[in-house]
Amino acid sequence: MKVQILGTGCPRCRKLEERVDDIIGELGIECEVEKVSDIKDIMAFGVMMTPALAIDGEIKSTGKLLSVDEIKELLQT
């Protein structure tokens, strides 16, 4: 599994990254985590609002800071 966190470095983007890292460690999920911060790369995903979360190249959320439970649900499906 590949998890990508798209954001330019705002506080919400950093918090999403922190939550994802914590949850991956807690659940023992083996995956690659990539932080995408270049605006051109973010726009290539079709994302106009950050933070955004992509799993295996598919955008799962844009424009909001997901809760811990929401992230867990996305990572376990």
C-alpha atoms as a PDB file:
ATOM      1  CA  MET A   1       0.000   0.000   0.000  1.00  0.00           C
ATOM      2  CA  LYS A   2       1.177   3.505  -0.784  1.00  0.00           C
ATOM      3  CA  VAL A   3      -0.190   6.434   1.221  1.00  0.00           C
ATOM      4  CA  GLN A   4       0.348   9.962  -0.052  1.00  0.00           C
ATOM      5  CA  ILE A   5      -0.299  13.087   1.962  1.00  0.00           C
ATOM      6  CA  LEU A   6      -0.750  16.094  -0.288  1.00  0.00           C
ATOM      7  CA  GLY A   7      -0.182  19.511   1.197  1.00  0.00           C
ATOM      8  CA  THR A   8       2.101  22.505   1.081  1.00  0.00           C
ATOM      9  CA  GLY A   9       3.059  22.398   4.744  1.00  0.00           C
ATOM     10  CA  CYS A  10       0.218  24.237   6.474  1.00  0.00           C
ATOM     11  CA  PRO A  11      -0.655  23.218  10.058  1.00  0.00           C
ATOM     12  CA  ARG A  12      -3.573  21.024   8.902  1.00  0.00           C
ATOM     13  CA  CYS A  13      -1.341  19.252   6.386  1.00  0.00           C
ATOM     14  CA  ARG A  14       1.301  18.565   9.025  1.00  0.00           C
ATOM     15  CA  LYS A  15      -1.367  17.324  11.458  1.00  0.00           C
ATOM     16  CA  LEU A  16      -2.753  14.911   8.836  1.00  0.00           C
ATOM     17  CA  GLU A  17       0.740  13.560   8.239  1.00  0.00           C
ATOM     18  CA  GLU A  18       1.251  13.119  11.987  1.00  0.00           C
ATOM     19  CA  ARG A  19      -2.074  11.301  12.389  1.00  0.00           C
ATOM     20  CA  VAL A  20      -1.385   8.978   9.449  1.00  0.00           C
ATOM     21  CA  ASP A  21       2.078   8.114  10.813  1.00  0.00           C
ATOM     22  CA  ASP A  22       0.649   7.415  14.283  1.00  0.00           C
ATOM     23  CA  ILE A  23      -2.150   5.220  12.946  1.00  0.00           C
ATOM     24  CA  ILE A  24       0.144   3.217  10.677  1.00  0.00           C
ATOM     25  CA  GLY A  25       2.391   2.526  13.655  1.00  0.00           C
ATOM     26  CA  GLU A  26      -0.545   1.704  15.926  1.00  0.00           C
ATOM     27  CA  LEU A  27      -2.164  -0.703  13.474  1.00  0.00           C
ATOM     28  CA  GLY A  28       1.124  -2.198  12.288  1.00  0.00           C
ATOM     29  CA  ILE A  29       0.263  -1.546   8.644  1.00  0.00           C
ATOM     30  CA  GLU A  30       3.126  -2.096   6.249  1.00  0.00           C
ATOM     31  CA  CYS A  31       3.078   0.675   3.663  1.00  0.00           C
ATOM     32  CA  GLU A  32       5.037   3.425   1.995  1.00  0.00           C
ATOM     33  CA  VAL A  33       4.195   6.968   3.089  1.00  0.00           C
ATOM     34  CA  GLU A  34       5.005   9.866   0.790  1.00  0.00           C
ATOM     35  CA  LYS A  35       4.580  13.578   1.487  1.00  0.00           C
ATOM     36  CA  VAL A  36       3.683  15.467  -1.696  1.00  0.00           C
ATOM     37  CA  SER A  37       4.305  19.184  -1.207  1.00  0.00           C
ATOM     38  CA  ASP A  38       5.060  20.536  -4.681  1.00  0.00           C
ATOM     39  CA  ILE A  39       1.995  22.411  -5.916  1.00  0.00           C
ATOM     40  CA  LYS A  40       2.423  21.077  -9.482  1.00  0.00           C
ATOM     41  CA  ASP A  41       2.436  17.479  -8.210  1.00  0.00           C
ATOM     42  CA  ILE A  42      -0.611  18.170  -6.040  1.00  0.00           C
ATOM     43  CA  MET A  43      -2.485  19.676  -8.991  1.00  0.00           C
ATOM     44  CA  ALA A  44      -1.547  16.660 -11.144  1.00  0.00           C
ATOM     45  CA  PHE A  45      -3.805  14.647  -8.816  1.00  0.00           C
ATOM     46  CA  GLY A  46      -6.628  17.104  -9.577  1.00  0.00           C
ATOM     47  CA  VAL A  47      -6.563  18.369  -5.988  1.00  0.00           C
ATOM     48  CA  MET A  48      -7.522  22.016  -5.493  1.00  0.00           C
ATOM     49  CA  MET A  49      -7.803  22.042  -1.689  1.00  0.00           C
ATOM     50  CA  THR A  50      -5.380  20.616   0.840  1.00  0.00           C
ATOM     51  CA  PRO A  51      -4.744  18.648   2.878  1.00  0.00           C
ATOM     52  CA  ALA A  52      -5.542  15.631   0.753  1.00  0.00           C
ATOM     53  CA  LEU A  53      -5.000  11.942   1.258  1.00  0.00           C
ATOM     54  CA  ALA A  54      -4.388   9.399  -1.503  1.00  0.00           C
ATOM     55  CA  ILE A  55      -4.155   5.648  -1.076  1.00  0.00           C
ATOM     56  CA  ASP A  56      -2.588   3.660  -3.912  1.00  0.00           C
ATOM     57  CA  GLY A  57      -2.889   6.707  -6.172  1.00  0.00           C
ATOM     58  CA  GLU A  58      -6.600   7.265  -5.526  1.00  0.00           C
ATOM     59  CA  ILE A  59      -7.687  10.465  -3.767  1.00  0.00           C
ATOM     60  CA  LYS A  60      -9.727   9.594  -0.676  1.00  0.00           C
ATOM     61  CA  SER A  61     -10.156  13.042   0.889  1.00  0.00           C
ATOM     62  CA  THR A  62      -9.497  16.681   0.042  1.00  0.00           C
ATOM     63  CA  GLY A  63      -9.779  19.972   1.861  1.00  0.00           C
ATOM     64  CA  LYS A  64     -10.240  18.725   5.405  1.00  0.00           C
ATOM     65  CA  LEU A  65      -8.316  17.297   8.306  1.00  0.00           C
ATOM     66  CA  LEU A  66      -9.575  13.747   8.707  1.00  0.00           C
ATOM     67  CA  SER A  67     -10.286  12.411  12.169  1.00  0.00           C
ATOM     68  CA  VAL A  68      -8.319   9.476  13.542  1.00  0.00           C
ATOM     69  CA  ASP A  69     -11.330   7.194  13.029  1.00  0.00           C
ATOM     70  CA  GLU A  70     -11.813   8.349   9.429  1.00  0.00           C
ATOM     71  CA  ILE A  71      -8.163   7.651   8.625  1.00  0.00           C
ATOM     72  CA  LYS A  72      -8.311   4.210  10.266  1.00  0.00           C
ATOM     73  CA  GLU A  73     -11.375   3.313   8.210  1.00  0.00           C
ATOM     74  CA  LEU A  74      -9.681   4.357   4.952  1.00  0.00           C
ATOM     75  CA  LEU A  75      -6.492   2.456   5.742  1.00  0.00           C
ATOM     76  CA  GLN A  76      -8.286  -0.735   6.742  1.00  0.00           C
ATOM     77  CA  THR A  77     -10.542  -1.036   3.683  1.00  0.00           C
END
